[in-house]
């Protein structure tokens, strides 16, 4: 059963500033290869970290909203852990959008 997820990825853009668009497109295609349907890609720009993380002082934040099977999240997490362009990743399950039916008002006579 497919569920709705939010994936926040922090990209390692050190010495690769001009390739951010290609990196995001590649990551989006990786999501689709695992069977995820990407609803929205939110590019949140480069942000500086509050402290140095190894040799990194900043990263490019990208937020993906997607529909996928929970097992594919595990595969994606493992795949992106080995990807040198992905510095950090976080996945969160989102609530389903349920439309409430309008209440019927009983008419009094």
C-alpha atoms as a PDB file:
ATOM      1  CA  UNK A   1       0.000   0.000   0.000  1.00  0.00           C
ATOM      2  CA  UNK A   2       1.435   3.347  -1.049  1.00  0.00           C
ATOM      3  CA  UNK A   3       1.772   6.066   1.523  1.00  0.00           C
ATOM      4  CA  UNK A   4       2.648   9.732   1.352  1.00  0.00           C
ATOM      5  CA  UNK A   5       6.130  10.766   2.543  1.00  0.00           C
ATOM      6  CA  UNK A   6       8.251  13.859   2.853  1.00  0.00           C
ATOM      7  CA  UNK A   7      11.959  13.382   2.125  1.00  0.00           C
ATOM      8  CA  UNK A   8      14.378  16.121   3.163  1.00  0.00           C
ATOM      9  CA  UNK A   9      17.812  15.727   1.612  1.00  0.00           C
ATOM     10  CA  UNK A  10      20.848  17.866   2.362  1.00  0.00           C
ATOM     11  CA  UNK A  11      23.174  17.842  -0.638  1.00  0.00           C
ATOM     12  CA  UNK A  12      26.939  18.097  -0.478  1.00  0.00           C
ATOM     13  CA  UNK A  13      27.557  20.888  -2.968  1.00  0.00           C
ATOM     14  CA  UNK A  14      31.149  21.540  -2.022  1.00  0.00           C
ATOM     15  CA  UNK A  15      32.971  22.487  -5.265  1.00  0.00           C
ATOM     16  CA  UNK A  16      29.828  21.522  -7.278  1.00  0.00           C
ATOM     17  CA  UNK A  17      27.644  24.641  -6.975  1.00  0.00           C
ATOM     18  CA  UNK A  18      26.813  24.777 -10.685  1.00  0.00           C
ATOM     19  CA  UNK A  19      25.614  21.142 -10.805  1.00  0.00           C
ATOM     20  CA  UNK A  20      22.798  21.429  -8.232  1.00  0.00           C
ATOM     21  CA  UNK A  21      20.026  21.246 -10.838  1.00  0.00           C
ATOM     22  CA  UNK A  22      21.486  18.071 -12.365  1.00  0.00           C
ATOM     23  CA  UNK A  23      21.918  16.543  -8.893  1.00  0.00           C
ATOM     24  CA  UNK A  24      18.252  17.186  -8.040  1.00  0.00           C
ATOM     25  CA  UNK A  25      17.077  15.719 -11.364  1.00  0.00           C
ATOM     26  CA  UNK A  26      19.231  12.626 -10.776  1.00  0.00           C
ATOM     27  CA  UNK A  27      17.816  12.163  -7.270  1.00  0.00           C
ATOM     28  CA  UNK A  28      14.277  12.560  -8.580  1.00  0.00           C
ATOM     29  CA  UNK A  29      14.927   9.846 -11.164  1.00  0.00           C
ATOM     30  CA  UNK A  30      16.326   7.596  -8.394  1.00  0.00           C
ATOM     31  CA  UNK A  31      13.054   8.001  -6.487  1.00  0.00           C
ATOM     32  CA  UNK A  32      11.109   7.074  -9.619  1.00  0.00           C
ATOM     33  CA  UNK A  33      13.333   4.022 -10.277  1.00  0.00           C
ATOM     34  CA  UNK A  34      12.295   2.683  -6.862  1.00  0.00           C
ATOM     35  CA  UNK A  35       8.627   3.082  -7.784  1.00  0.00           C
ATOM     36  CA  UNK A  36       7.944   6.364  -5.988  1.00  0.00           C
ATOM     37  CA  UNK A  37       5.667   8.938  -7.562  1.00  0.00           C
ATOM     38  CA  UNK A  38       7.157  12.381  -6.892  1.00  0.00           C
ATOM     39  CA  UNK A  39       4.405  14.939  -6.267  1.00  0.00           C
ATOM     40  CA  UNK A  40       6.498  17.992  -5.499  1.00  0.00           C
ATOM     41  CA  UNK A  41      10.135  19.101  -5.387  1.00  0.00           C
ATOM     42  CA  UNK A  42      10.902  22.078  -3.184  1.00  0.00           C
ATOM     43  CA  UNK A  43      14.349  23.613  -3.617  1.00  0.00           C
ATOM     44  CA  UNK A  44      15.118  25.326  -0.336  1.00  0.00           C
ATOM     45  CA  UNK A  45      18.466  26.900  -1.276  1.00  0.00           C
ATOM     46  CA  UNK A  46      21.895  26.648   0.299  1.00  0.00           C
ATOM     47  CA  UNK A  47      22.100  27.105   4.070  1.00  0.00           C
ATOM     48  CA  UNK A  48      25.032  27.373   6.420  1.00  0.00           C
ATOM     49  CA  UNK A  49      25.297  24.854   9.257  1.00  0.00           C
ATOM     50  CA  UNK A  50      25.485  26.083  12.831  1.00  0.00           C
ATOM     51  CA  UNK A  51      28.766  24.205  13.210  1.00  0.00           C
ATOM     52  CA  UNK A  52      31.311  22.602  10.902  1.00  0.00           C
ATOM     53  CA  UNK A  53      30.377  19.075   9.883  1.00  0.00           C
ATOM     54  CA  UNK A  54      33.734  17.602   8.991  1.00  0.00           C
ATOM     55  CA  UNK A  55      34.927  19.707   6.086  1.00  0.00           C
ATOM     56  CA  UNK A  56      31.427  21.028   5.250  1.00  0.00           C
ATOM     57  CA  UNK A  57      30.083  24.346   6.451  1.00  0.00           C
ATOM     58  CA  UNK A  58      26.912  24.422   4.321  1.00  0.00           C
ATOM     59  CA  UNK A  59      24.579  22.264   2.248  1.00  0.00           C
ATOM     60  CA  UNK A  60      21.780  22.604  -0.304  1.00  0.00           C
ATOM     61  CA  UNK A  61      18.394  21.588   1.144  1.00  0.00           C
ATOM     62  CA  UNK A  62      15.803  19.886  -1.088  1.00  0.00           C
ATOM     63  CA  UNK A  63      12.382  18.665   0.014  1.00  0.00           C
ATOM     64  CA  UNK A  64      10.549  15.931  -1.929  1.00  0.00           C
ATOM     65  CA  UNK A  65       6.877  14.997  -1.430  1.00  0.00           C
ATOM     66  CA  UNK A  66       6.226  11.507  -2.775  1.00  0.00           C
ATOM     67  CA  UNK A  67       3.899   8.523  -2.764  1.00  0.00           C
ATOM     68  CA  UNK A  68       5.555   5.168  -2.332  1.00  0.00           C
ATOM     69  CA  UNK A  69       5.578   1.835  -0.573  1.00  0.00           C
ATOM     70  CA  UNK A  70       7.231   1.811   2.908  1.00  0.00           C
ATOM     71  CA  UNK A  71       9.696  -0.867   1.767  1.00  0.00           C
ATOM     72  CA  UNK A  72      11.026   1.401  -0.969  1.00  0.00           C
ATOM     73  CA  UNK A  73      11.850   4.032   1.669  1.00  0.00           C
ATOM     74  CA  UNK A  74      14.239   1.509   3.247  1.00  0.00           C
ATOM     75  CA  UNK A  75      15.875   0.866  -0.144  1.00  0.00           C
ATOM     76  CA  UNK A  76      16.143   4.597  -0.876  1.00  0.00           C
ATOM     77  CA  UNK A  77      17.667   5.274   2.535  1.00  0.00           C
ATOM     78  CA  UNK A  78      20.326   2.626   1.890  1.00  0.00           C
ATOM     79  CA  UNK A  79      21.011   3.847  -1.658  1.00  0.00           C
ATOM     80  CA  UNK A  80      21.384   7.499  -0.650  1.00  0.00           C
ATOM     81  CA  UNK A  81      23.579   6.594   2.319  1.00  0.00           C
ATOM     82  CA  UNK A  82      26.195   5.460  -0.213  1.00  0.00           C
ATOM     83  CA  UNK A  83      25.709   8.483  -2.489  1.00  0.00           C
ATOM     84  CA  UNK A  84      28.518  11.056  -2.015  1.00  0.00           C
ATOM     85  CA  UNK A  85      26.198  13.905  -3.135  1.00  0.00           C
ATOM     86  CA  UNK A  86      23.704  13.277  -0.301  1.00  0.00           C
ATOM     87  CA  UNK A  87      25.093  14.519   3.005  1.00  0.00           C
ATOM     88  CA  UNK A  88      21.991  13.923   5.188  1.00  0.00           C
ATOM     89  CA  UNK A  89      18.510  12.511   4.630  1.00  0.00           C
ATOM     90  CA  UNK A  90      15.301  12.451   6.641  1.00  0.00           C
ATOM     91  CA  UNK A  91      11.980  10.784   5.797  1.00  0.00           C
ATOM     92  CA  UNK A  92       8.644  11.468   7.442  1.00  0.00           C
ATOM     93  CA  UNK A  93       5.282   9.894   6.756  1.00  0.00           C
ATOM     94  CA  UNK A  94       2.573  12.464   6.045  1.00  0.00           C
ATOM     95  CA  UNK A  95      -1.093  12.220   6.902  1.00  0.00           C
ATOM     96  CA  UNK A  96      -3.371  11.304   4.048  1.00  0.00           C
ATOM     97  CA  UNK A  97      -5.477  14.073   2.552  1.00  0.00           C
ATOM     98  CA  UNK A  98      -8.992  13.026   3.429  1.00  0.00           C
ATOM     99  CA  UNK A  99     -11.816  15.145   2.180  1.00  0.00           C
ATOM    100  CA  UNK A 100     -14.608  15.431   4.716  1.00  0.00           C
ATOM    101  CA  UNK A 101     -18.083  15.088   3.294  1.00  0.00           C
ATOM    102  CA  UNK A 102     -20.273  18.090   4.038  1.00  0.00           C
ATOM    103  CA  UNK A 103     -22.660  17.486   6.905  1.00  0.00           C
ATOM    104  CA  UNK A 104     -26.299  17.194   5.982  1.00  0.00           C
ATOM    105  CA  UNK A 105     -28.487  19.504   7.965  1.00  0.00           C
ATOM    106  CA  UNK A 106     -31.892  18.119   8.867  1.00  0.00           C
ATOM    107  CA  UNK A 107     -34.659  20.470   7.890  1.00  0.00           C
ATOM    108  CA  UNK A 108     -37.303  21.070  10.538  1.00  0.00           C
ATOM    109  CA  UNK A 109     -40.944  21.344   9.540  1.00  0.00           C
END
